[in-house]
Protein backbone atom coordinates (compact mmCIF):
# COMPACT_ATOMS: atom_id res chain seq x y z
CA UNK A 1 0.06 0.18 -0.17
CA UNK A 2 2.88 2.43 0.54
CA UNK A 3 3.92 1.78 -2.60
CA UNK A 4 0.80 2.69 -4.20
CA UNK A 5 0.51 5.78 -2.14
CA UNK A 6 3.87 7.07 -3.15
CA UNK A 7 2.75 6.24 -6.75
CA UNK A 8 -0.47 8.04 -6.55
CA UNK A 9 1.14 11.14 -4.67
CA UNK A 10 4.14 11.53 -7.25
CA UNK A 11 1.58 11.44 -10.07
CA UNK A 12 -0.65 13.87 -8.60
CA UNK A 13 2.13 16.26 -7.45
CA UNK A 14 3.81 16.04 -11.13
CA UNK A 15 0.34 16.55 -12.91
CA UNK A 16 0.38 20.26 -10.52
CA UNK A 17 4.00 21.22 -11.40
CA UNK A 18 4.35 19.97 -15.00
CA UNK A 19 1.93 22.57 -16.38
CA UNK A 20 2.25 25.83 -18.33
CA UNK A 21 0.03 27.14 -15.64
CA UNK A 22 2.36 26.63 -13.02
CA UNK A 23 5.28 28.17 -14.77
CA UNK A 24 3.10 31.28 -15.97
CA UNK A 25 1.52 31.58 -12.38
CA UNK A 26 4.86 31.95 -10.55
CA UNK A 27 6.32 34.05 -13.45
CA UNK A 28 3.43 36.33 -12.38
CA UNK A 29 3.92 35.90 -9.00
CA UNK A 30 7.69 36.76 -9.10
CA UNK A 31 6.87 40.00 -11.26
CA UNK A 32 4.19 41.16 -8.98
CA UNK A 33 6.14 40.47 -5.72
CA UNK A 34 9.38 42.03 -6.56
CA UNK A 35 7.64 45.05 -8.08
CA UNK A 36 5.42 45.53 -5.06
CA UNK A 37 8.83 45.60 -3.07
CA UNK A 38 10.20 47.91 -5.59
CA UNK A 39 7.15 50.11 -6.67
CA UNK A 40 8.68 53.26 -5.48
CA UNK A 41 11.82 52.70 -7.37
CA UNK A 42 9.72 51.86 -10.76
CA UNK A 43 7.68 54.78 -10.51
CA UNK A 44 10.74 56.96 -9.71
CA UNK A 45 12.38 55.28 -12.89
CA UNK A 46 9.27 56.43 -15.21
CA UNK A 47 9.13 59.92 -13.80
CA UNK A 48 7.62 59.80 -10.51
CA UNK A 49 9.29 61.01 -7.46
CA UNK A 50 8.08 59.86 -3.65
CA UNK A 51 10.47 61.91 -1.91
CA UNK A 52 9.69 65.33 -3.92
CA UNK A 53 9.39 68.06 -1.61
CA UNK A 54 5.84 69.44 -1.72
CA UNK A 55 6.10 73.34 -2.80
CA UNK A 56 3.63 75.63 -0.77
CA UNK A 57 3.36 79.28 -2.26
CA UNK A 58 2.46 81.62 0.65
CA UNK A 59 0.70 84.81 -0.15
CA UNK A 60 0.87 86.48 3.72
CA UNK A 61 -1.40 89.41 3.72
CA UNK A 62 -1.09 90.07 7.28
CA UNK A 63 2.77 91.04 6.84
CA UNK A 64 3.82 88.80 10.04
CA UNK A 65 2.53 85.29 9.49
CA UNK A 66 5.02 83.92 7.12
CA UNK A 67 7.90 83.78 9.46
CA UNK A 68 6.05 82.28 12.34
CA UNK A 69 4.65 79.53 9.39
CA UNK A 70 8.21 78.90 8.58
CA UNK A 71 9.29 78.32 12.05
CA UNK A 72 6.17 75.88 12.56
CA UNK A 73 7.13 74.15 9.60
CA UNK A 74 10.57 73.32 10.64
CA UNK A 75 9.23 72.15 13.88
CA UNK A 76 6.85 69.73 12.21
CA UNK A 77 9.72 68.36 10.30
CA UNK A 78 11.55 67.78 13.29
CA UNK A 79 8.70 65.97 15.07
CA UNK A 80 7.54 63.81 12.16
CA UNK A 81 11.31 62.94 11.13
CA UNK A 82 10.13 63.97 7.45
CA UNK A 83 12.66 65.99 5.24
CA UNK A 84 11.44 68.74 3.38
CA UNK A 85 7.72 67.78 3.98
CA UNK A 86 6.72 70.96 2.80
CA UNK A 87 8.90 73.99 1.21
CA UNK A 88 7.44 77.42 1.58
CA UNK A 89 7.87 80.13 -0.72
CA UNK A 90 6.66 83.86 -0.10
CA UNK A 91 5.15 85.15 -3.15
CA UNK A 92 2.96 88.27 -4.07
CA UNK A 93 1.27 86.66 -7.08
CA UNK A 94 -2.21 85.77 -6.99
CA UNK A 95 -3.28 82.16 -7.49
CA UNK A 96 -4.17 82.54 -11.09
CA UNK A 97 -0.73 83.88 -12.20
CA UNK A 98 1.05 80.92 -10.01
CA UNK A 99 -1.04 78.14 -11.63
CA UNK A 100 -0.54 79.78 -15.28
CA UNK A 101 2.95 78.27 -15.22
CA UNK A 102 3.10 74.37 -16.15
CA UNK A 103 5.63 74.20 -13.61
CA UNK A 104 3.60 74.73 -10.53
CA UNK A 105 1.02 72.14 -11.57
CA UNK A 106 1.67 70.09 -8.49
CA UNK A 107 2.26 73.26 -6.15
CA UNK A 108 -0.20 74.51 -3.49
CA UNK A 109 -1.11 78.05 -2.95
CA UNK A 110 -1.88 79.44 0.47
CA UNK A 111 -3.43 82.60 1.05
CA UNK A 112 -3.37 83.84 4.54
CA UNK A 113 -5.38 87.10 5.74
CA UNK A 114 -6.24 88.70 9.15
CA UNK A 115 -9.64 87.90 10.99
CA UNK A 116 -11.00 89.83 13.66
CA UNK A 117 -12.47 86.79 15.34
CA UNK A 118 -9.98 84.09 14.72
CA UNK A 119 -6.79 85.89 14.32
CA UNK A 120 -6.09 84.67 10.76
CA UNK A 121 -7.76 82.66 8.09
CA UNK A 122 -6.29 80.75 5.29
CA UNK A 123 -7.29 79.33 1.75
CA UNK A 124 -5.42 76.22 0.24
CA UNK A 125 -5.56 75.94 -3.52
CA UNK A 126 -4.68 73.37 -5.41
CA UNK A 127 -4.85 72.03 -8.92
CA UNK A 128 -6.01 68.67 -7.81
CA UNK A 129 -6.75 66.60 -4.89
CA UNK A 130 -4.77 66.76 -1.93
CA UNK A 131 -4.18 63.15 0.06
CA UNK A 132 -5.30 63.10 3.70
CA UNK A 133 -2.12 62.79 5.52
CA UNK A 134 -0.63 65.93 3.58
CA UNK A 135 -3.65 67.82 4.16
CA UNK A 136 -3.35 66.82 7.72
CA UNK A 137 0.21 68.05 8.13
CA UNK A 138 -0.33 71.48 6.45
CA UNK A 139 -3.41 72.11 8.72
CA UNK A 140 -1.18 71.43 11.84
CA UNK A 141 1.36 74.08 10.71
CA UNK A 142 -1.25 76.62 10.12
CA UNK A 143 -3.30 76.03 13.43
CA UNK A 144 -0.04 75.93 15.11
CA UNK A 145 0.80 79.29 13.68
CA UNK A 146 -2.27 80.69 14.88
CA UNK A 147 -1.73 79.58 18.31
CA UNK A 148 1.46 81.57 18.18
CA UNK A 149 -0.08 84.48 17.10
CA UNK A 150 -2.77 84.43 19.45
CA UNK A 151 -0.18 83.99 22.35
CA UNK A 152 1.90 87.12 21.08
CA UNK A 153 -1.44 89.40 20.67
CA UNK A 154 -1.72 88.44 24.25
CA UNK A 155 1.38 90.04 25.44
CA UNK A 156 3.07 86.84 26.55
CA UNK A 157 6.82 87.11 26.86
CA UNK A 158 9.18 85.42 24.39
CA UNK A 159 10.48 82.90 26.99
CA UNK A 160 6.94 82.16 27.97
CA UNK A 161 5.87 81.72 24.43
CA UNK A 162 8.78 79.46 23.46
CA UNK A 163 7.81 77.17 26.62
CA UNK A 164 4.24 76.96 25.47
CA UNK A 165 4.87 76.15 22.07
CA UNK A 166 7.50 73.79 22.57
CA UNK A 167 6.49 69.84 22.34
CA UNK A 168 6.01 68.13 25.18
CA UNK A 169 8.48 65.02 26.50
CA UNK A 170 6.03 62.49 27.18
CA UNK A 171 7.67 59.79 29.61
CA UNK A 172 5.88 56.31 29.53
CA UNK A 173 5.69 54.48 32.47
CA UNK A 174 4.36 50.83 32.97
CA UNK A 175 3.58 49.70 36.54
CA UNK A 176 3.79 46.04 35.55
CA UNK A 177 7.52 45.14 36.09
CA UNK A 178 7.28 42.33 33.49
CA UNK A 179 6.39 44.71 30.53
CA UNK A 180 8.58 47.26 29.02
CA UNK A 181 8.04 50.27 26.72
CA UNK A 182 9.96 48.85 24.21
CA UNK A 183 8.00 45.47 23.97
CA UNK A 184 4.85 48.10 23.57
CA UNK A 185 6.08 49.64 20.73
CA UNK A 186 6.90 46.34 19.07
CA UNK A 187 3.63 44.97 19.75
CA UNK A 188 1.91 47.78 18.18
CA UNK A 189 4.30 47.38 15.26
CA UNK A 190 3.50 43.46 14.76
CA UNK A 191 -0.24 43.87 15.35
CA UNK A 192 -0.15 45.60 12.13
CA UNK A 193 2.77 43.63 10.62
CA UNK A 194 1.67 40.08 11.44
CA UNK A 195 -1.93 40.03 9.29
CA UNK A 196 0.14 41.11 6.40
CA UNK A 197 2.58 38.18 6.82
CA UNK A 198 -0.27 35.73 7.14
CA UNK A 199 -2.05 36.87 4.31
CA UNK A 200 0.00 34.48 2.09
CA UNK A 201 -1.12 31.35 4.32
CA UNK A 202 -4.88 32.50 3.95
CA UNK A 203 -4.36 32.81 0.16
CA UNK A 204 -2.56 29.46 -0.01
CA UNK A 205 -5.20 27.56 2.11
CA UNK A 206 -7.74 28.85 -0.46
CA UNK A 207 -5.68 27.77 -3.08
CA UNK A 208 -5.10 24.25 -1.66
CA UNK A 209 -8.83 23.52 -1.16
CA UNK A 210 -9.65 24.80 -4.76
CA UNK A 211 -6.87 22.33 -6.20
CA UNK A 212 -8.13 19.21 -4.06
CA UNK A 213 -11.41 19.80 -5.21
CA UNK A 214 -10.79 20.35 -8.74
CA UNK A 215 -8.49 17.26 -9.03
CA UNK A 216 -11.13 15.18 -7.57
CA UNK A 217 -13.97 16.33 -9.28
CA UNK A 218 -11.44 16.23 -12.64
CA UNK A 219 -10.86 12.42 -11.97
CA UNK A 220 -14.61 11.87 -11.53
CA UNK A 221 -15.88 13.87 -14.86
CA UNK A 222 -13.09 11.66 -17.04
CA UNK A 223 -14.41 8.33 -15.47
CA UNK A 224 -10.85 7.77 -14.49
CA UNK A 225 -11.96 7.51 -10.51
CA UNK A 226 -13.43 3.94 -11.13
CA UNK A 227 -10.10 2.83 -12.45
CA UNK A 228 -8.17 4.36 -9.44
CA UNK A 229 -10.47 2.85 -6.71
CA UNK A 230 -10.42 -0.74 -8.40
CA UNK A 231 -6.79 -0.68 -7.60
CA UNK A 232 -6.35 1.17 -4.23
CA UNK A 233 -8.40 1.91 -1.18
CA UNK A 234 -10.68 5.14 -0.78
CA UNK A 235 -8.16 6.01 2.21
CA UNK A 236 -4.97 5.85 0.32
CA UNK A 237 -6.37 7.68 -2.63
CA UNK A 238 -7.46 10.64 -0.17
CA UNK A 239 -4.16 10.60 1.50
CA UNK A 240 -2.39 10.72 -1.91
CA UNK A 241 -4.49 13.76 -2.60
CA UNK A 242 -3.73 15.50 0.65
CA UNK A 243 0.18 14.52 0.82
CA UNK A 244 0.64 15.92 -2.76
CA UNK A 245 -1.46 18.83 -2.43
CA UNK A 246 0.31 20.08 0.79
CA UNK A 247 3.83 19.25 -0.77
CA UNK A 248 2.80 21.74 -3.75
CA UNK A 249 1.50 24.25 -1.23
CA UNK A 250 4.92 24.24 0.77
CA UNK A 251 6.78 24.34 -2.44
CA UNK A 252 4.57 27.52 -3.84
CA UNK A 253 5.28 28.99 -0.32
CA UNK A 254 9.06 28.66 -0.62
CA UNK A 255 8.79 29.88 -4.10
CA UNK A 256 7.28 32.98 -2.72
CA UNK A 257 9.67 33.63 0.03
CA UNK A 258 12.32 33.34 -2.84
CA UNK A 259 10.63 36.01 -4.58
CA UNK A 260 10.40 38.34 -1.60
CA UNK A 261 14.12 37.74 -0.70
CA UNK A 262 14.89 38.51 -4.29
CA UNK A 263 13.07 41.80 -4.07
CA UNK A 264 14.89 42.77 -0.94
CA UNK A 265 18.28 41.89 -2.31
CA UNK A 266 17.21 44.29 -5.42
CA UNK A 267 16.31 47.09 -3.07
CA UNK A 268 19.55 46.66 -1.20
CA UNK A 269 21.29 46.77 -4.64
CA UNK A 270 19.60 50.02 -5.66
CA UNK A 271 20.13 51.66 -2.33
CA UNK A 272 16.33 51.83 -1.47
CA UNK A 273 14.70 51.51 1.75
CA UNK A 274 11.32 50.27 2.91
CA UNK A 275 9.22 52.39 5.03
CA UNK A 276 6.17 51.69 6.92
CA UNK A 277 4.53 54.97 8.43
CA UNK A 278 7.12 56.87 10.48
CA UNK A 279 9.39 53.43 10.83
CA UNK A 280 11.74 52.14 8.15
CA UNK A 281 12.46 48.37 7.80
CA UNK A 282 15.76 49.05 9.51
CA UNK A 283 14.18 50.50 12.72
CA UNK A 284 11.67 48.06 13.25
CA UNK A 285 14.07 45.06 12.91
CA UNK A 286 16.37 46.88 15.43
CA UNK A 287 13.49 47.61 17.79
CA UNK A 288 12.42 44.04 17.68
CA UNK A 289 15.81 42.54 18.07
CA UNK A 290 16.05 44.64 21.57
CA UNK A 291 13.14 43.91 22.85
CA UNK A 292 11.92 40.71 24.67
CA UNK A 293 9.52 39.82 21.46
CA UNK A 294 13.08 38.51 19.62
CA UNK A 295 13.63 36.03 22.32
CA UNK A 296 10.17 34.85 22.04
CA UNK A 297 10.24 34.37 18.34
CA UNK A 298 12.40 31.00 19.06
CA UNK A 299 9.28 29.44 20.22
CA UNK A 300 6.52 31.38 18.26
CA UNK A 301 8.11 30.36 15.17
CA UNK A 302 8.04 26.80 15.31
CA UNK A 303 4.58 26.80 17.10
CA UNK A 304 2.95 28.93 14.37
CA UNK A 305 4.64 26.45 11.50
CA UNK A 306 3.10 23.62 13.33
CA UNK A 307 -0.28 24.96 13.40
CA UNK A 308 0.03 26.41 9.80
CA UNK A 309 1.08 22.89 8.56
CA UNK A 310 -1.83 21.23 10.78
CA UNK A 311 -4.11 23.19 9.35
CA UNK A 312 -3.34 22.71 5.64
CA UNK A 313 -3.55 18.86 6.28
CA UNK A 314 -7.14 19.58 7.68
CA UNK A 315 -8.15 21.93 5.38
CA UNK A 316 -7.04 19.31 2.36
CA UNK A 317 -8.95 16.31 4.14
CA UNK A 318 -12.23 18.45 4.44
CA UNK A 319 -11.73 19.76 1.08
CA UNK A 320 -11.55 16.01 -0.19
CA UNK A 321 -14.32 14.86 1.67
CA UNK A 322 -16.53 17.38 0.30
CA UNK A 323 -15.43 17.00 -3.21
CA UNK A 324 -16.12 13.39 -3.23
CA UNK A 325 -20.10 14.25 -2.75
CA UNK A 326 -19.81 16.61 -5.88
CA UNK A 327 -19.69 15.62 -9.45
CA UNK A 328 -18.52 19.15 -11.04
CA UNK A 329 -16.50 22.05 -9.95
CA UNK A 330 -19.81 24.12 -9.53
CA UNK A 331 -20.96 21.79 -6.99
CA UNK A 332 -17.99 21.95 -5.15
CA UNK A 333 -17.76 25.78 -5.22
CA UNK A 334 -20.99 25.91 -3.29
CA UNK A 335 -19.74 22.98 -0.85
CA UNK A 336 -16.60 24.95 -0.03
CA UNK A 337 -18.30 28.27 0.95
CA UNK A 338 -18.61 27.42 4.68
CA UNK A 339 -14.70 26.70 4.25
CA UNK A 340 -14.15 30.28 2.79
CA UNK A 341 -16.17 32.03 5.36
CA UNK A 342 -14.62 30.18 8.28
CA UNK A 343 -11.02 31.19 7.17
CA UNK A 344 -12.33 35.07 6.10
CA UNK A 345 -13.79 35.37 9.89
CA UNK A 346 -10.12 34.11 11.28
CA UNK A 347 -8.54 36.36 9.23
CA UNK A 348 -10.10 39.42 10.00
CA UNK A 349 -10.30 38.40 13.64
CA UNK A 350 -6.51 38.30 13.56
CA UNK A 351 -6.32 41.70 11.98
CA UNK A 352 -8.55 43.26 14.85
CA UNK A 353 -6.86 41.09 17.71
CA UNK A 354 -5.25 44.01 19.30
CA UNK A 355 -8.94 45.10 19.91
CA UNK A 356 -9.99 42.27 22.09
CA UNK A 357 -7.43 42.46 24.62
CA UNK A 358 -8.35 40.87 27.60
CA UNK A 359 -11.50 39.45 26.02
CA UNK A 360 -12.30 35.68 26.87
CA UNK A 361 -14.11 35.58 23.37
CA UNK A 362 -11.21 36.00 21.43
CA UNK A 363 -8.98 33.45 23.49
CA UNK A 364 -11.81 30.87 23.14
CA UNK A 365 -11.77 31.63 19.51
CA UNK A 366 -7.76 31.00 19.27
CA UNK A 367 -8.46 27.40 19.84
CA UNK A 368 -11.02 26.82 17.28
CA UNK A 369 -9.55 24.36 14.52
CA UNK A 370 -9.14 25.95 10.98
CA UNK A 371 -8.73 29.59 12.43
CA UNK A 372 -6.20 28.69 15.46
CA UNK A 373 -3.16 29.08 12.78
CA UNK A 374 -4.21 32.51 11.88
CA UNK A 375 -5.47 33.82 15.05
CA UNK A 376 -3.44 32.05 18.01
CA UNK A 377 -0.09 33.50 16.90
CA UNK A 378 -1.39 36.66 16.55
CA UNK A 379 -2.65 36.56 20.14
CA UNK A 380 0.76 35.04 21.46
CA UNK A 381 2.43 38.19 19.73
CA UNK A 382 0.60 40.68 21.56
CA UNK A 383 0.65 38.80 24.82
CA UNK A 384 -2.75 37.78 25.40
CA UNK A 385 -2.34 33.69 25.65
CA UNK A 386 0.92 31.77 26.27
CA UNK A 387 2.72 28.82 25.10
CA UNK A 388 0.30 26.46 27.08
CA UNK A 389 -3.06 27.69 25.21
CA UNK A 390 -0.97 27.32 21.61
CA UNK A 391 -0.39 23.60 22.94
CA UNK A 392 -4.11 23.30 23.43
CA UNK A 393 -4.70 24.81 19.98
CA UNK A 394 -2.44 22.30 18.26
CA UNK A 395 -3.88 19.35 20.24
CA UNK A 396 -7.41 20.10 19.24
CA UNK A 397 -6.14 20.39 15.44
CA UNK A 398 -4.78 16.76 15.99
CA UNK A 399 -8.02 15.72 17.32
CA UNK A 400 -10.02 17.62 14.46
CA UNK A 401 -7.99 15.69 11.93
CA UNK A 402 -8.26 12.39 13.70
CA UNK A 403 -12.05 13.01 13.35
CA UNK A 404 -11.90 14.01 9.85
CA UNK A 405 -10.25 10.78 8.99
CA UNK A 406 -12.38 8.46 11.18
CA UNK A 407 -15.78 9.76 10.14
CA UNK A 408 -14.89 11.50 7.13
CA UNK A 409 -13.88 8.60 5.36
CA UNK A 410 -17.35 7.06 5.61
CA UNK A 411 -18.50 9.80 3.61
CA UNK A 412 -15.29 9.45 0.99
CA UNK A 413 -15.95 5.97 0.57
CA UNK A 414 -19.93 6.51 -0.42
CA UNK A 415 -18.99 9.62 -2.41
CA UNK A 416 -16.02 9.08 -4.35
CA UNK A 417 -18.40 6.92 -7.08
CA UNK A 418 -21.22 8.90 -6.38
CA UNK A 419 -22.16 10.66 -9.62
CA UNK A 420 -25.38 12.06 -8.77
CA UNK A 421 -25.60 16.08 -7.45
CA UNK A 422 -28.94 15.33 -5.99
CA UNK A 423 -29.42 15.76 -2.09
CA UNK A 424 -25.75 15.92 -1.31
CA UNK A 425 -25.99 16.93 2.30
CA UNK A 426 -28.81 14.05 2.65
CA UNK A 427 -26.37 11.73 1.66
CA UNK A 428 -23.24 12.81 3.54
CA UNK A 429 -25.71 12.66 6.84
CA UNK A 430 -26.61 9.12 5.78
CA UNK A 431 -23.00 8.01 5.23
CA UNK A 432 -22.05 9.35 8.61
CA UNK A 433 -24.78 7.24 10.10
CA UNK A 434 -23.86 4.04 8.12
């Protein structure tokens, strides 16, 4: 039986790899991943510029606001670590005159006037739309300028004015001695980064389910299933599909990692850096390495890998069982909808895990098979669960796989030679009882 299992697995795996689709799909994946990791450089090559300074022409009708605005702009740059976020240029020209020049197509025009009630009023003009973050930045500078003018008009001394307008140094203290401020920052980053990292896992899961179902349906459609089952037991046939599909998924995952590494190497060679919010990739890695999270990764990564492998196996078995009762791809699409919904729930819960801090609800869901591989590692990184809970999730997943094999094989034996799409669910429950 082992030799038959190896033979069926080898044939199934070859069918997936030795296709033009596999080559074309991976070529597309490579281009997309490498391209996304170097998107800024690609856009810059074709004339775009991510580091372009935003020019703002300022018409100061108050005769005193521009100098204060310049100081607040410099302060904003220092606080946000954004070099040349805005480049202010004083002008006496009107907005119509400024935008007549095609060189100023992407510039902004800021007109500042006196206001008896609000000290100053401002009008910001642009050729097109302004993104939200840039608009928030210029609004902050203008509001800070108004505050300084208000304090000056209130006869506050320059020394006091400097103290009031200077940014506060917010010191962070945590009462729990086992928690560190550095770890708090890392957890904030990881709660955002981790859902992005598990996105490929979610995509590969859906790919795995579809692949198992499509192959079984193809064998049933061509009547090749009758020949196969006459030579090997249904259990061996199912196991060959599960093993071959998982090997293919692991191969695809390894290729995706290689494409990502190539993308990073290209960035390094061209001297570019990757930024996430106010942090670049080097500062994020440095922060993680200096925190306790780095030492925790020695067990977080292996436990996560174990959970993911077991989840792949569980999904493949479940997909094979459901596919055995269907006769075409359309029927299987309907049968796999519960799987897709469960996976989506797990993914979105992992994204929002930080919002459920201390909730028993989210901890209980981290034990649920099929979504534990996505949700449990997120909660582990955030410190909401520990190793013991992860071990429980692994044990429950193993039990689920055992139950799928024990009771699912009853459905598979009946369904694999079933060529009628009528009353599928009724047939499944009948097979379970039998």
